[in-house]
Amino acid sequence: MKTIALEQTQIILIVLLVGLASLACALSQSPALTGASKTTATPQAAAKVPAPAAQTTASPGNSQDEIVQPDPLDHLLALHSIQINLSISRPDGSSSSIQIATDQTGNMDLKFIGSAPDASELPKGFDLKALKTDSELLVVGGKAYLHNDQDPNWMSSPMDDDYPQSFAQELHGMDGPALWLNILPPGSIQPAGQETVGGFVVDKYVVNGKVDNQVISGSLWEDPQTDALIQAELHVPGALLSDPDQPQPGELHIVLKAQKADVPAITLPAAPPATAVPTSAP
């Protein structure tokens, strides 16, 4: 991995590159399409640090083949019979979370929860209670269906025909741990023993490294058998998400937790019967 001095504008470029990488690798890694119970990663020769730190950094000198590499977050998304929770707190005070349950066939139930927007940003007189901040997606056979109480036929109209790719791309953005782990310089991730978390015997690592003179810190837990990122907690300075001339105070706090689980089969509910159309008498 190359050592690079990053400016905030370069970080935006890296987000785009990582997103493109995710699109290329998610098809082979996505749980809904692999049909395997878990992904077995090829051991990294002579690697003494976890895969996030060992992945090739998306810097201008790298070729596309170097950038497009599945990382431990991709390996986590490829596991079946698992529950995942990703919680994000942002420097502006907003927050969000994603709860993911993947059954043994790779179908998924995703619940999204976001914080309500600042009342000052809404039209005068707008009722905050009327604003829905949560949603649920069922992903069956790779297709995503948005649960909608107002539409009785929601299970008949997928909103995305290949959602695992889109979802992997989203999780590799600024609100996910993979981006920040991938851009850390060498030596930022150090081993800290073994632990058992979420039903996995994992290797723990301590994160402490500088990007553009800002310290990214935290811990991560990786399963050596599957190369999957099982847990992570990262503290990213708000200055890395803002204009360098007007650095934002506070931090981006990312918490990822996964555990093995006996997830019941995820299927779509039956569509309601068609309503008979009255016909006029002859």
C-alpha atoms as a PDB file:
ATOM      1  CA  MET A   1       0.000   0.000   0.000  1.00  0.00           C
ATOM      2  CA  LYS A   2       1.363   3.390  -0.953  1.00  0.00           C
ATOM      3  CA  THR A   3       1.705   6.247   1.507  1.00  0.00           C
ATOM      4  CA  ILE A   4      -0.146   9.302   0.249  1.00  0.00           C
ATOM      5  CA  ALA A   5      -0.831  12.794   1.543  1.00  0.00           C
ATOM      6  CA  LEU A   6      -4.554  13.378   1.071  1.00  0.00           C
ATOM      7  CA  GLU A   7      -6.467  16.596   0.645  1.00  0.00           C
ATOM      8  CA  GLN A   8     -10.220  16.673   1.111  1.00  0.00           C
ATOM      9  CA  THR A   9     -10.791  16.914  -2.637  1.00  0.00           C
ATOM     10  CA  GLN A  10      -8.709  13.768  -3.107  1.00  0.00           C
ATOM     11  CA  ILE A  11     -10.877  11.957  -0.572  1.00  0.00           C
ATOM     12  CA  ILE A  12     -13.932  12.693  -2.730  1.00  0.00           C
ATOM     13  CA  LEU A  13     -12.095  11.195  -5.715  1.00  0.00           C
ATOM     14  CA  ILE A  14     -11.292   8.108  -3.663  1.00  0.00           C
ATOM     15  CA  VAL A  15     -14.973   7.707  -2.767  1.00  0.00           C
ATOM     16  CA  LEU A  16     -15.807   7.596  -6.469  1.00  0.00           C
ATOM     17  CA  LEU A  17     -13.020   5.121  -7.215  1.00  0.00           C
ATOM     18  CA  VAL A  18     -13.992   2.860  -4.335  1.00  0.00           C
ATOM     19  CA  GLY A  19     -17.595   2.984  -5.525  1.00  0.00           C
ATOM     20  CA  LEU A  20     -16.539   1.842  -8.994  1.00  0.00           C
ATOM     21  CA  ALA A  21     -14.466  -0.914  -7.438  1.00  0.00           C
ATOM     22  CA  SER A  22     -17.450  -2.028  -5.411  1.00  0.00           C
ATOM     23  CA  LEU A  23     -19.631  -2.269  -8.499  1.00  0.00           C
ATOM     24  CA  ALA A  24     -17.096  -4.533 -10.162  1.00  0.00           C
ATOM     25  CA  CYS A  25     -16.554  -6.866  -7.210  1.00  0.00           C
ATOM     26  CA  ALA A  26     -19.989  -6.980  -5.593  1.00  0.00           C
ATOM     27  CA  LEU A  27     -21.481  -9.323  -8.209  1.00  0.00           C
ATOM     28  CA  SER A  28     -19.164 -12.144  -7.170  1.00  0.00           C
ATOM     29  CA  GLN A  29     -19.380 -11.266  -3.474  1.00  0.00           C
ATOM     30  CA  SER A  30     -23.077 -10.517  -3.010  1.00  0.00           C
ATOM     31  CA  PRO A  31     -24.941 -12.899  -0.676  1.00  0.00           C
ATOM     32  CA  ALA A  32     -28.037 -13.104  -2.850  1.00  0.00           C
ATOM     33  CA  LEU A  33     -26.114 -14.328  -5.863  1.00  0.00           C
ATOM     34  CA  THR A  34     -23.332 -16.580  -4.623  1.00  0.00           C
ATOM     35  CA  GLY A  35     -25.477 -19.425  -3.301  1.00  0.00           C
ATOM     36  CA  ALA A  36     -22.654 -20.437  -0.937  1.00  0.00           C
ATOM     37  CA  SER A  37     -22.896 -20.575   2.820  1.00  0.00           C
ATOM     38  CA  LYS A  38     -19.868 -18.308   3.172  1.00  0.00           C
ATOM     39  CA  THR A  39     -16.947 -16.927   1.226  1.00  0.00           C
ATOM     40  CA  THR A  40     -13.564 -18.489   1.887  1.00  0.00           C
ATOM     41  CA  ALA A  41     -10.825 -15.993   1.236  1.00  0.00           C
ATOM     42  CA  THR A  42      -7.419 -16.914  -0.128  1.00  0.00           C
ATOM     43  CA  PRO A  43      -4.839 -16.361   2.640  1.00  0.00           C
ATOM     44  CA  GLN A  44      -2.726 -13.289   2.077  1.00  0.00           C
ATOM     45  CA  ALA A  45       0.887 -14.249   1.796  1.00  0.00           C
ATOM     46  CA  ALA A  46       3.039 -12.840   4.601  1.00  0.00           C
ATOM     47  CA  ALA A  47       0.272 -10.462   5.635  1.00  0.00           C
ATOM     48  CA  LYS A  48       0.610  -9.379   9.264  1.00  0.00           C
ATOM     49  CA  VAL A  49      -2.031  -6.676   9.152  1.00  0.00           C
ATOM     50  CA  PRO A  50      -5.734  -7.036   8.314  1.00  0.00           C
ATOM     51  CA  ALA A  51      -6.940  -6.811   4.752  1.00  0.00           C
ATOM     52  CA  PRO A  52      -8.327  -3.260   5.103  1.00  0.00           C
ATOM     53  CA  ALA A  53      -4.816  -1.940   5.670  1.00  0.00           C
ATOM     54  CA  ALA A  54      -3.306  -4.247   3.080  1.00  0.00           C
ATOM     55  CA  GLN A  55      -5.711  -3.316   0.283  1.00  0.00           C
ATOM     56  CA  THR A  56      -4.315  -1.201  -2.513  1.00  0.00           C
ATOM     57  CA  THR A  57      -5.037   2.474  -1.918  1.00  0.00           C
ATOM     58  CA  ALA A  58      -7.018   4.218  -4.630  1.00  0.00           C
ATOM     59  CA  SER A  59      -4.290   6.686  -5.556  1.00  0.00           C
ATOM     60  CA  PRO A  60      -3.688   8.189  -9.008  1.00  0.00           C
ATOM     61  CA  GLY A  61      -0.804   5.815  -9.810  1.00  0.00           C
ATOM     62  CA  ASN A  62      -2.802   2.620  -9.383  1.00  0.00           C
ATOM     63  CA  SER A  63      -4.198   0.645 -12.309  1.00  0.00           C
ATOM     64  CA  GLN A  64      -7.841  -0.462 -12.415  1.00  0.00           C
ATOM     65  CA  ASP A  65      -6.806  -4.068 -11.705  1.00  0.00           C
ATOM     66  CA  GLU A  66      -5.100  -2.939  -8.490  1.00  0.00           C
ATOM     67  CA  ILE A  67      -8.129  -0.943  -7.329  1.00  0.00           C
ATOM     68  CA  VAL A  68     -10.802  -3.559  -8.095  1.00  0.00           C
ATOM     69  CA  GLN A  69     -10.174  -5.934  -5.211  1.00  0.00           C
ATOM     70  CA  PRO A  70     -12.815  -7.320  -2.817  1.00  0.00           C
ATOM     71  CA  ASP A  71     -12.147  -6.119   0.713  1.00  0.00           C
ATOM     72  CA  PRO A  72     -13.215  -7.506   4.129  1.00  0.00           C
ATOM     73  CA  LEU A  73     -16.494  -5.559   4.009  1.00  0.00           C
ATOM     74  CA  ASP A  74     -17.339  -7.333   0.735  1.00  0.00           C
ATOM     75  CA  HIS A  75     -16.525 -10.649   2.408  1.00  0.00           C
ATOM     76  CA  LEU A  76     -18.860  -9.791   5.282  1.00  0.00           C
ATOM     77  CA  LEU A  77     -21.703  -9.011   2.878  1.00  0.00           C
ATOM     78  CA  ALA A  78     -21.127 -12.397   1.230  1.00  0.00           C
ATOM     79  CA  LEU A  79     -21.798 -14.341   4.443  1.00  0.00           C
ATOM     80  CA  HIS A  80     -25.144 -16.057   5.015  1.00  0.00           C
ATOM     81  CA  SER A  81     -27.059 -16.768   8.256  1.00  0.00           C
ATOM     82  CA  ILE A  82     -25.839 -13.515   9.779  1.00  0.00           C
ATOM     83  CA  GLN A  83     -27.120 -10.287  11.300  1.00  0.00           C
ATOM     84  CA  ILE A  84     -25.301  -6.985  10.776  1.00  0.00           C
ATOM     85  CA  ASN A  85     -25.840  -3.579  12.336  1.00  0.00           C
ATOM     86  CA  LEU A  86     -24.186  -0.410  11.046  1.00  0.00           C
ATOM     87  CA  SER A  87     -24.639   2.782  13.072  1.00  0.00           C
ATOM     88  CA  ILE A  88     -23.385   6.183  11.960  1.00  0.00           C
ATOM     89  CA  SER A  89     -23.210   9.491  13.850  1.00  0.00           C
ATOM     90  CA  ARG A  90     -22.132  12.465  11.753  1.00  0.00           C
ATOM     91  CA  PRO A  91     -20.421  15.741  12.690  1.00  0.00           C
ATOM     92  CA  ASP A  92     -23.591  17.735  11.951  1.00  0.00           C
ATOM     93  CA  GLY A  93     -25.516  15.796  14.628  1.00  0.00           C
ATOM     94  CA  SER A  94     -27.468  13.592  12.235  1.00  0.00           C
ATOM     95  CA  SER A  95     -27.402   9.822  12.544  1.00  0.00           C
ATOM     96  CA  SER A  96     -28.571   6.689  10.789  1.00  0.00           C
ATOM     97  CA  SER A  97     -28.480   2.931  11.152  1.00  0.00           C
ATOM     98  CA  ILE A  98     -28.944  -0.135   8.984  1.00  0.00           C
ATOM     99  CA  GLN A  99     -29.979  -3.517  10.362  1.00  0.00           C
ATOM    100  CA  ILE A 100     -29.343  -6.410   7.993  1.00  0.00           C
ATOM    101  CA  ALA A 101     -30.489 -10.014   8.336  1.00  0.00           C
ATOM    102  CA  THR A 102     -29.306 -12.525   5.738  1.00  0.00           C
ATOM    103  CA  ASP A 103     -30.798 -16.008   5.644  1.00  0.00           C
ATOM    104  CA  GLN A 104     -29.042 -19.216   4.609  1.00  0.00           C
ATOM    105  CA  THR A 105     -29.888 -18.708   0.924  1.00  0.00           C
ATOM    106  CA  GLY A 106     -28.638 -15.109   0.792  1.00  0.00           C
ATOM    107  CA  ASN A 107     -31.993 -13.313   0.837  1.00  0.00           C
ATOM    108  CA  MET A 108     -31.948 -10.180   2.978  1.00  0.00           C
ATOM    109  CA  ASP A 109     -34.172  -8.082   5.211  1.00  0.00           C
ATOM    110  CA  LEU A 110     -32.827  -4.539   5.606  1.00  0.00           C
ATOM    111  CA  LYS A 111     -34.210  -1.940   8.007  1.00  0.00           C
ATOM    112  CA  PHE A 112     -33.052   1.661   7.614  1.00  0.00           C
ATOM    113  CA  ILE A 113     -33.500   4.273  10.357  1.00  0.00           C
ATOM    114  CA  GLY A 114     -32.493   7.909  10.009  1.00  0.00           C
ATOM    115  CA  SER A 115     -32.672  10.907  12.288  1.00  0.00           C
ATOM    116  CA  ALA A 116     -35.292  13.573  11.662  1.00  0.00           C
ATOM    117  CA  PRO A 117     -34.029  16.691   9.843  1.00  0.00           C
ATOM    118  CA  ASP A 118     -33.574  19.980  11.607  1.00  0.00           C
ATOM    119  CA  ALA A 119     -36.968  21.662  11.975  1.00  0.00           C
ATOM    120  CA  SER A 120     -35.434  24.934  10.746  1.00  0.00           C
ATOM    121  CA  GLU A 121     -34.773  23.311   7.359  1.00  0.00           C
ATOM    122  CA  LEU A 122     -38.407  22.311   6.834  1.00  0.00           C
ATOM    123  CA  PRO A 123     -41.285  24.460   5.549  1.00  0.00           C
ATOM    124  CA  LYS A 124     -43.034  26.502   8.209  1.00  0.00           C
ATOM    125  CA  GLY A 125     -45.818  24.539   9.860  1.00  0.00           C
ATOM    126  CA  PHE A 126     -44.552  21.160   8.659  1.00  0.00           C
ATOM    127  CA  ASP A 127     -45.471  18.365  11.068  1.00  0.00           C
ATOM    128  CA  LEU A 128     -42.328  16.419  11.945  1.00  0.00           C
ATOM    129  CA  LYS A 129     -44.482  13.500  13.094  1.00  0.00           C
ATOM    130  CA  ALA A 130     -45.694  13.088   9.527  1.00  0.00           C
ATOM    131  CA  LEU A 131     -42.143  12.571   8.284  1.00  0.00           C
ATOM    132  CA  LYS A 132     -41.208   8.904   7.942  1.00  0.00           C
ATOM    133  CA  THR A 133     -37.564   8.286   8.867  1.00  0.00           C
ATOM    134  CA  ASP A 134     -37.499   4.499   8.621  1.00  0.00           C
ATOM    135  CA  SER A 135     -37.925   2.026   5.781  1.00  0.00           C
ATOM    136  CA  GLU A 136     -37.612  -1.690   5.097  1.00  0.00           C
ATOM    137  CA  LEU A 137     -36.354  -3.563   2.058  1.00  0.00           C
ATOM    138  CA  LEU A 138     -36.711  -7.241   1.307  1.00  0.00           C
ATOM    139  CA  VAL A 139     -34.078  -8.575  -1.081  1.00  0.00           C
ATOM    140  CA  VAL A 140     -35.154 -11.863  -2.678  1.00  0.00           C
ATOM    141  CA  GLY A 141     -33.196 -13.386  -5.542  1.00  0.00           C
ATOM    142  CA  GLY A 142     -31.133 -10.197  -5.757  1.00  0.00           C
ATOM    143  CA  LYS A 143     -34.202  -7.997  -6.338  1.00  0.00           C
ATOM    144  CA  ALA A 144     -35.135  -5.347  -3.780  1.00  0.00           C
ATOM    145  CA  TYR A 145     -38.730  -4.639  -2.776  1.00  0.00           C
ATOM    146  CA  LEU A 146     -39.637  -1.598  -0.686  1.00  0.00           C
ATOM    147  CA  HIS A 147     -42.214  -2.391   1.976  1.00  0.00           C
ATOM    148  CA  ASN A 148     -45.031   0.114   1.523  1.00  0.00           C
ATOM    149  CA  ASP A 149     -48.211   0.051   3.578  1.00  0.00           C
ATOM    150  CA  GLN A 150     -49.803   2.486   1.130  1.00  0.00           C
ATOM    151  CA  ASP A 151     -49.290   0.178  -1.852  1.00  0.00           C
ATOM    152  CA  PRO A 152     -50.848  -3.288  -1.479  1.00  0.00           C
ATOM    153  CA  ASN A 153     -48.901  -4.508  -4.521  1.00  0.00           C
ATOM    154  CA  TRP A 154     -45.423  -3.418  -3.371  1.00  0.00           C
ATOM    155  CA  MET A 155     -44.202  -7.038  -3.455  1.00  0.00           C
ATOM    156  CA  SER A 156     -44.929  -7.219  -7.185  1.00  0.00           C
ATOM    157  CA  SER A 157     -42.718  -4.287  -8.225  1.00  0.00           C
ATOM    158  CA  PRO A 158     -38.985  -4.495  -7.434  1.00  0.00           C
ATOM    159  CA  MET A 159     -37.275  -1.139  -7.056  1.00  0.00           C
ATOM    160  CA  ASP A 160     -33.878  -2.598  -8.004  1.00  0.00           C
ATOM    161  CA  ASP A 161     -33.205  -5.765 -10.012  1.00  0.00           C
ATOM    162  CA  ASP A 162     -29.633  -6.151  -8.725  1.00  0.00           C
ATOM    163  CA  TYR A 163     -29.647  -4.557  -5.303  1.00  0.00           C
ATOM    164  CA  PRO A 164     -26.598  -6.289  -3.755  1.00  0.00           C
ATOM    165  CA  GLN A 165     -24.324  -4.347  -6.105  1.00  0.00           C
ATOM    166  CA  SER A 166     -26.013  -1.035  -5.267  1.00  0.00           C
ATOM    167  CA  PHE A 167     -25.923  -1.782  -1.555  1.00  0.00           C
ATOM    168  CA  ALA A 168     -22.233  -2.734  -1.584  1.00  0.00           C
ATOM    169  CA  GLN A 169     -21.456   0.504  -3.405  1.00  0.00           C
ATOM    170  CA  GLU A 170     -23.374   2.500  -0.804  1.00  0.00           C
ATOM    171  CA  LEU A 171     -21.551   0.867   2.106  1.00  0.00           C
ATOM    172  CA  HIS A 172     -18.196   1.712   0.537  1.00  0.00           C
ATOM    173  CA  GLY A 173     -18.930   5.430   0.721  1.00  0.00           C
ATOM    174  CA  MET A 174     -17.970   7.929   3.412  1.00  0.00           C
ATOM    175  CA  ASP A 175     -20.433   6.506   5.954  1.00  0.00           C
ATOM    176  CA  GLY A 176     -18.861   3.037   5.817  1.00  0.00           C
ATOM    177  CA  PRO A 177     -15.657   1.766   7.439  1.00  0.00           C
ATOM    178  CA  ALA A 178     -13.968   0.324   4.327  1.00  0.00           C
ATOM    179  CA  LEU A 179     -13.090   3.658   2.712  1.00  0.00           C
ATOM    180  CA  TRP A 180     -11.312   5.000   5.779  1.00  0.00           C
ATOM    181  CA  LEU A 181      -9.440   1.768   6.452  1.00  0.00           C
ATOM    182  CA  ASN A 182      -8.280   1.594   2.837  1.00  0.00           C
ATOM    183  CA  ILE A 183      -6.772   5.096   2.781  1.00  0.00           C
ATOM    184  CA  LEU A 184      -4.819   4.819   6.029  1.00  0.00           C
ATOM    185  CA  PRO A 185      -1.025   4.819   5.609  1.00  0.00           C
ATOM    186  CA  PRO A 186       1.091   1.735   6.452  1.00  0.00           C
ATOM    187  CA  GLY A 187       1.524   1.050  10.156  1.00  0.00           C
ATOM    188  CA  SER A 188      -1.850   2.546  11.101  1.00  0.00           C
ATOM    189  CA  ILE A 189      -3.382  -0.836  11.961  1.00  0.00           C
ATOM    190  CA  GLN A 190      -1.672  -2.969  14.587  1.00  0.00           C
ATOM    191  CA  PRO A 191      -2.595  -6.449  15.931  1.00  0.00           C
ATOM    192  CA  ALA A 192      -4.070  -6.595  19.444  1.00  0.00           C
ATOM    193  CA  GLY A 193      -4.685 -10.302  20.057  1.00  0.00           C
ATOM    194  CA  GLN A 194      -7.670 -12.552  19.507  1.00  0.00           C
ATOM    195  CA  GLU A 195     -11.236 -12.341  20.806  1.00  0.00           C
ATOM    196  CA  THR A 196     -14.573 -14.065  20.281  1.00  0.00           C
ATOM    197  CA  VAL A 197     -17.269 -11.705  19.017  1.00  0.00           C
ATOM    198  CA  GLY A 198     -20.573 -12.453  17.338  1.00  0.00           C
ATOM    199  CA  GLY A 199     -19.847 -16.186  17.325  1.00  0.00           C
ATOM    200  CA  PHE A 200     -16.555 -15.704  15.451  1.00  0.00           C
ATOM    201  CA  VAL A 201     -13.010 -16.190  16.755  1.00  0.00           C
ATOM    202  CA  VAL A 202     -11.464 -13.027  15.373  1.00  0.00           C
ATOM    203  CA  ASP A 203      -8.209 -11.128  15.204  1.00  0.00           C
ATOM    204  CA  LYS A 204      -8.444  -7.705  16.858  1.00  0.00           C
ATOM    205  CA  TYR A 205      -6.561  -4.679  15.576  1.00  0.00           C
ATOM    206  CA  VAL A 206      -6.086  -1.160  16.891  1.00  0.00           C
ATOM    207  CA  VAL A 207      -6.456   1.674  14.387  1.00  0.00           C
ATOM    208  CA  ASN A 208      -4.460   4.877  14.741  1.00  0.00           C
ATOM    209  CA  GLY A 209      -3.255   6.736  11.666  1.00  0.00           C
ATOM    210  CA  LYS A 210      -3.138  10.159  10.070  1.00  0.00           C
ATOM    211  CA  VAL A 211      -4.807  11.277   6.851  1.00  0.00           C
ATOM    212  CA  ASP A 212      -4.087  14.876   5.877  1.00  0.00           C
ATOM    213  CA  ASN A 213      -2.762  15.442   9.435  1.00  0.00           C
ATOM    214  CA  GLN A 214      -6.057  14.282  10.929  1.00  0.00           C
ATOM    215  CA  VAL A 215      -6.051  11.209  13.195  1.00  0.00           C
ATOM    216  CA  ILE A 216      -8.414   8.331  12.398  1.00  0.00           C
ATOM    217  CA  SER A 217      -8.647   5.998  15.388  1.00  0.00           C
ATOM    218  CA  GLY A 218     -10.586   2.988  16.584  1.00  0.00           C
ATOM    219  CA  SER A 219     -10.554  -0.803  16.497  1.00  0.00           C
ATOM    220  CA  LEU A 220     -11.548  -3.581  14.147  1.00  0.00           C
ATOM    221  CA  TRP A 221     -12.171  -7.307  14.412  1.00  0.00           C
ATOM    222  CA  GLU A 222     -11.601  -9.585  11.419  1.00  0.00           C
ATOM    223  CA  ASP A 223     -12.385 -13.273  10.920  1.00  0.00           C
ATOM    224  CA  PRO A 224      -9.182 -14.940   9.665  1.00  0.00           C
ATOM    225  CA  GLN A 225     -11.165 -17.833   8.157  1.00  0.00           C
ATOM    226  CA  THR A 226     -13.282 -15.747   5.786  1.00  0.00           C
ATOM    227  CA  ASP A 227     -11.349 -12.458   5.758  1.00  0.00           C
ATOM    228  CA  ALA A 228     -14.628 -10.788   6.776  1.00  0.00           C
ATOM    229  CA  LEU A 229     -14.792  -7.578   8.790  1.00  0.00           C
ATOM    230  CA  ILE A 230     -16.928  -8.727  11.741  1.00  0.00           C
ATOM    231  CA  GLN A 231     -16.779  -5.572  13.833  1.00  0.00           C
ATOM    232  CA  ALA A 232     -15.336  -2.086  13.546  1.00  0.00           C
ATOM    233  CA  GLU A 233     -15.468   1.168  15.450  1.00  0.00           C
ATOM    234  CA  LEU A 234     -13.905   4.205  13.836  1.00  0.00           C
ATOM    235  CA  HIS A 235     -13.581   7.866  14.794  1.00  0.00           C
ATOM    236  CA  VAL A 236     -13.042  10.070  11.736  1.00  0.00           C
ATOM    237  CA  PRO A 237     -12.438  13.818  12.245  1.00  0.00           C
ATOM    238  CA  GLY A 238     -15.089  16.035  10.715  1.00  0.00           C
ATOM    239  CA  ALA A 239     -12.331  18.039   9.024  1.00  0.00           C
ATOM    240  CA  LEU A 240     -11.865  15.180   6.545  1.00  0.00           C
ATOM    241  CA  LEU A 241     -15.475  15.553   5.387  1.00  0.00           C
ATOM    242  CA  SER A 242     -15.451  19.305   4.886  1.00  0.00           C
ATOM    243  CA  ASP A 243     -13.837  22.150   2.998  1.00  0.00           C
ATOM    244  CA  PRO A 244     -10.183  22.403   4.113  1.00  0.00           C
ATOM    245  CA  ASP A 245     -10.597  26.173   4.383  1.00  0.00           C
ATOM    246  CA  GLN A 246     -13.551  25.705   6.740  1.00  0.00           C
ATOM    247  CA  PRO A 247     -12.856  22.478   8.684  1.00  0.00           C
ATOM    248  CA  GLN A 248     -15.918  21.006  10.333  1.00  0.00           C
ATOM    249  CA  PRO A 249     -15.699  20.290  14.077  1.00  0.00           C
ATOM    250  CA  GLY A 250     -16.796  17.010  15.596  1.00  0.00           C
ATOM    251  CA  GLU A 251     -16.359  13.540  14.157  1.00  0.00           C
ATOM    252  CA  LEU A 252     -17.890  10.806  12.050  1.00  0.00           C
ATOM    253  CA  HIS A 253     -18.447   7.813  14.358  1.00  0.00           C
ATOM    254  CA  ILE A 254     -18.915   4.452  12.612  1.00  0.00           C
ATOM    255  CA  VAL A 255     -19.869   1.280  14.492  1.00  0.00           C
ATOM    256  CA  LEU A 256     -20.226  -2.026  12.633  1.00  0.00           C
ATOM    257  CA  LYS A 257     -21.261  -5.225  14.426  1.00  0.00           C
ATOM    258  CA  ALA A 258     -22.047  -8.632  12.925  1.00  0.00           C
ATOM    259  CA  GLN A 259     -23.014 -11.926  14.488  1.00  0.00           C
ATOM    260  CA  LYS A 260     -23.912 -15.428  13.386  1.00  0.00           C
ATOM    261  CA  ALA A 261     -27.667 -16.006  13.542  1.00  0.00           C
ATOM    262  CA  ASP A 262     -30.310 -18.537  12.619  1.00  0.00           C
ATOM    263  CA  VAL A 263     -32.260 -16.198  10.341  1.00  0.00           C
ATOM    264  CA  PRO A 264     -35.669 -17.548   9.238  1.00  0.00           C
ATOM    265  CA  ALA A 265     -36.164 -17.844   5.489  1.00  0.00           C
ATOM    266  CA  ILE A 266     -36.834 -14.417   3.988  1.00  0.00           C
ATOM    267  CA  THR A 267     -39.599 -14.454   1.395  1.00  0.00           C
ATOM    268  CA  LEU A 268     -42.061 -12.004  -0.109  1.00  0.00           C
ATOM    269  CA  PRO A 269     -45.631 -11.991   1.186  1.00  0.00           C
ATOM    270  CA  ALA A 270     -48.297 -13.087  -1.256  1.00  0.00           C
ATOM    271  CA  ALA A 271     -49.748 -10.347  -3.424  1.00  0.00           C
ATOM    272  CA  PRO A 272     -53.385  -9.503  -2.675  1.00  0.00           C
ATOM    273  CA  PRO A 273     -55.968 -11.016  -5.017  1.00  0.00           C
ATOM    274  CA  ALA A 274     -56.963  -8.888  -7.945  1.00  0.00           C
ATOM    275  CA  THR A 275     -60.073  -6.828  -7.400  1.00  0.00           C
ATOM    276  CA  ALA A 276     -62.881  -7.789  -9.732  1.00  0.00           C
ATOM    277  CA  VAL A 277     -63.887  -4.995 -12.082  1.00  0.00           C
ATOM    278  CA  PRO A 278     -67.668  -4.514 -12.189  1.00  0.00           C
ATOM    279  CA  THR A 279     -69.163  -4.914 -15.608  1.00  0.00           C
ATOM    280  CA  SER A 280     -72.351  -3.262 -16.904  1.00  0.00           C
ATOM    281  CA  ALA A 281     -75.338  -5.384 -17.635  1.00  0.00           C
ATOM    282  CA  PRO A 282     -76.002  -5.943 -21.359  1.00  0.00           C
END
